[in-house]
């Protein structure tokens, strides 16, 4: 089974305190928690934003 960007969006929005925004500047939906972006996506790509420390862990 292939995971789609729509699947990832649905899973992210199911997490607590997640809201979706679509800033005019970027024209792509963003996932935010308490005002901080952690997810951006378009039709083919998803980008997760985490700290360097978290990535290294």
N, C-alpha and C. Protein backbone atom coordinates (compact mmCIF):
# COMPACT_ATOMS: atom_id res chain seq x y z
N UNK A 1 0.84 -1.17 0.00
CA UNK A 1 0.00 0.00 0.00
C UNK A 1 0.89 1.25 0.00
N UNK A 2 0.55 2.21 -0.79
CA UNK A 2 1.29 3.45 -0.88
C UNK A 2 0.64 4.52 0.00
N UNK A 3 1.46 5.23 0.71
CA UNK A 3 0.98 6.35 1.53
C UNK A 3 0.96 7.60 0.67
N UNK A 4 -0.14 8.31 0.68
CA UNK A 4 -0.27 9.53 -0.12
C UNK A 4 -0.10 10.77 0.75
N UNK A 5 0.07 11.92 0.11
CA UNK A 5 0.14 13.16 0.87
C UNK A 5 -1.18 13.43 1.59
N UNK A 6 -2.29 12.99 1.00
CA UNK A 6 -3.59 13.13 1.68
C UNK A 6 -3.65 12.30 2.95
N UNK A 7 -3.07 11.09 2.92
CA UNK A 7 -3.00 10.24 4.12
C UNK A 7 -2.22 10.96 5.21
N UNK A 8 -1.05 11.50 4.86
CA UNK A 8 -0.22 12.19 5.85
C UNK A 8 -0.94 13.40 6.42
N UNK A 9 -1.64 14.15 5.57
CA UNK A 9 -2.41 15.31 6.04
C UNK A 9 -3.46 14.87 7.04
N UNK A 10 -4.21 13.82 6.72
CA UNK A 10 -5.26 13.32 7.60
C UNK A 10 -4.68 12.87 8.95
N UNK A 11 -3.56 12.16 8.91
CA UNK A 11 -2.92 11.69 10.15
C UNK A 11 -2.43 12.87 10.98
N UNK A 12 -1.81 13.85 10.33
CA UNK A 12 -1.30 15.01 11.06
C UNK A 12 -2.44 15.78 11.71
N UNK A 13 -3.54 15.97 10.99
CA UNK A 13 -4.67 16.73 11.53
C UNK A 13 -5.38 15.99 12.65
N UNK A 14 -5.15 14.69 12.76
CA UNK A 14 -5.75 13.90 13.85
C UNK A 14 -4.98 14.06 15.16
N UNK A 15 -3.76 14.61 15.10
CA UNK A 15 -2.97 14.82 16.30
C UNK A 15 -3.55 15.96 17.15
N UNK A 16 -3.33 15.92 18.46
CA UNK A 16 -3.85 16.99 19.32
C UNK A 16 -3.26 18.36 18.98
N UNK A 17 -4.10 19.38 19.05
CA UNK A 17 -3.71 20.78 18.89
C UNK A 17 -3.20 21.15 17.49
N UNK A 18 -3.41 20.29 16.49
CA UNK A 18 -2.95 20.61 15.14
C UNK A 18 -4.05 21.37 14.41
N UNK A 19 -3.63 22.43 13.75
CA UNK A 19 -4.55 23.18 12.90
C UNK A 19 -3.90 23.33 11.53
N UNK A 20 -4.73 23.50 10.51
CA UNK A 20 -4.20 23.67 9.17
C UNK A 20 -4.36 25.13 8.75
N UNK A 21 -3.34 25.67 8.13
CA UNK A 21 -3.37 27.04 7.62
C UNK A 21 -2.82 27.01 6.20
N UNK A 22 -3.19 27.99 5.41
CA UNK A 22 -2.67 28.10 4.06
C UNK A 22 -2.24 29.54 3.82
N UNK A 23 -1.04 29.88 4.24
CA UNK A 23 -0.56 31.25 4.09
C UNK A 23 -0.51 31.68 2.63
N UNK A 24 -0.90 32.90 2.37
CA UNK A 24 -0.91 33.44 1.02
C UNK A 24 0.47 33.35 0.37
N UNK A 25 1.50 33.60 1.15
CA UNK A 25 2.87 33.64 0.63
C UNK A 25 3.31 32.30 0.04
N UNK A 26 2.92 31.19 0.65
CA UNK A 26 3.42 29.88 0.23
C UNK A 26 2.43 29.10 -0.63
N UNK A 27 1.15 29.37 -0.52
CA UNK A 27 0.11 28.70 -1.32
C UNK A 27 0.07 27.19 -1.11
N UNK A 28 0.54 26.69 0.00
CA UNK A 28 0.45 25.27 0.31
C UNK A 28 -0.09 25.12 1.73
N UNK A 29 -0.86 24.07 1.98
CA UNK A 29 -1.36 23.86 3.34
C UNK A 29 -0.20 23.58 4.30
N UNK A 30 -0.31 24.15 5.49
CA UNK A 30 0.69 23.94 6.53
C UNK A 30 0.01 23.37 7.76
N UNK A 31 0.68 22.46 8.45
CA UNK A 31 0.21 21.98 9.74
C UNK A 31 0.91 22.76 10.83
N UNK A 32 0.14 23.23 11.80
CA UNK A 32 0.73 24.02 12.89
C UNK A 32 0.25 23.49 14.23
N UNK A 33 1.13 23.60 15.23
CA UNK A 33 0.78 23.31 16.62
C UNK A 33 1.18 24.53 17.42
N UNK A 34 0.20 25.13 18.10
CA UNK A 34 0.42 26.34 18.89
C UNK A 34 1.17 27.41 18.10
N UNK A 35 0.80 27.57 16.83
CA UNK A 35 1.38 28.62 15.99
C UNK A 35 2.69 28.29 15.32
N UNK A 36 3.25 27.10 15.60
CA UNK A 36 4.53 26.72 15.00
C UNK A 36 4.30 25.68 13.90
N UNK A 37 4.86 25.94 12.73
CA UNK A 37 4.70 25.04 11.59
C UNK A 37 5.54 23.79 11.79
N UNK A 38 4.94 22.62 11.52
CA UNK A 38 5.70 21.37 11.57
C UNK A 38 5.52 20.56 10.30
N UNK A 39 4.60 20.96 9.42
CA UNK A 39 4.31 20.17 8.23
C UNK A 39 3.88 21.08 7.10
N UNK A 40 4.46 20.87 5.93
CA UNK A 40 4.02 21.57 4.72
C UNK A 40 3.86 20.55 3.62
N UNK A 41 2.91 20.77 2.73
CA UNK A 41 2.73 19.80 1.65
C UNK A 41 2.14 20.46 0.42
N UNK A 42 2.41 19.84 -0.73
CA UNK A 42 1.69 20.16 -1.94
C UNK A 42 1.16 18.84 -2.47
N UNK A 43 0.86 18.72 -3.72
CA UNK A 43 0.26 17.48 -4.23
C UNK A 43 1.18 16.28 -4.25
N UNK A 44 2.50 16.49 -4.22
CA UNK A 44 3.43 15.37 -4.36
C UNK A 44 4.50 15.30 -3.28
N UNK A 45 4.62 16.34 -2.46
CA UNK A 45 5.72 16.42 -1.50
C UNK A 45 5.20 16.82 -0.12
N UNK A 46 5.78 16.19 0.91
CA UNK A 46 5.48 16.57 2.29
C UNK A 46 6.80 16.90 2.97
N UNK A 47 6.84 18.01 3.69
CA UNK A 47 8.04 18.43 4.42
C UNK A 47 7.69 18.52 5.90
N UNK A 48 8.43 17.78 6.73
CA UNK A 48 8.26 17.86 8.18
C UNK A 48 9.33 18.78 8.74
N UNK A 49 8.94 19.69 9.58
CA UNK A 49 9.87 20.64 10.18
C UNK A 49 10.11 20.24 11.63
N UNK A 50 11.33 19.80 11.92
CA UNK A 50 11.70 19.45 13.28
C UNK A 50 13.05 20.09 13.57
N UNK A 51 13.36 20.20 14.84
CA UNK A 51 14.64 20.82 15.20
C UNK A 51 15.80 19.90 14.82
N UNK A 52 16.97 20.48 14.67
CA UNK A 52 18.16 19.70 14.37
C UNK A 52 18.45 18.70 15.48
N UNK A 53 18.23 19.12 16.72
CA UNK A 53 18.46 18.24 17.87
C UNK A 53 17.52 17.02 17.80
N UNK A 54 16.26 17.24 17.48
CA UNK A 54 15.32 16.13 17.35
C UNK A 54 15.71 15.21 16.20
N UNK A 55 16.11 15.79 15.08
CA UNK A 55 16.54 14.98 13.93
C UNK A 55 17.75 14.12 14.27
N UNK A 56 18.70 14.68 15.03
CA UNK A 56 19.90 13.93 15.40
C UNK A 56 19.60 12.82 16.39
N UNK A 57 18.57 13.00 17.21
CA UNK A 57 18.21 11.98 18.19
C UNK A 57 17.65 10.77 17.48
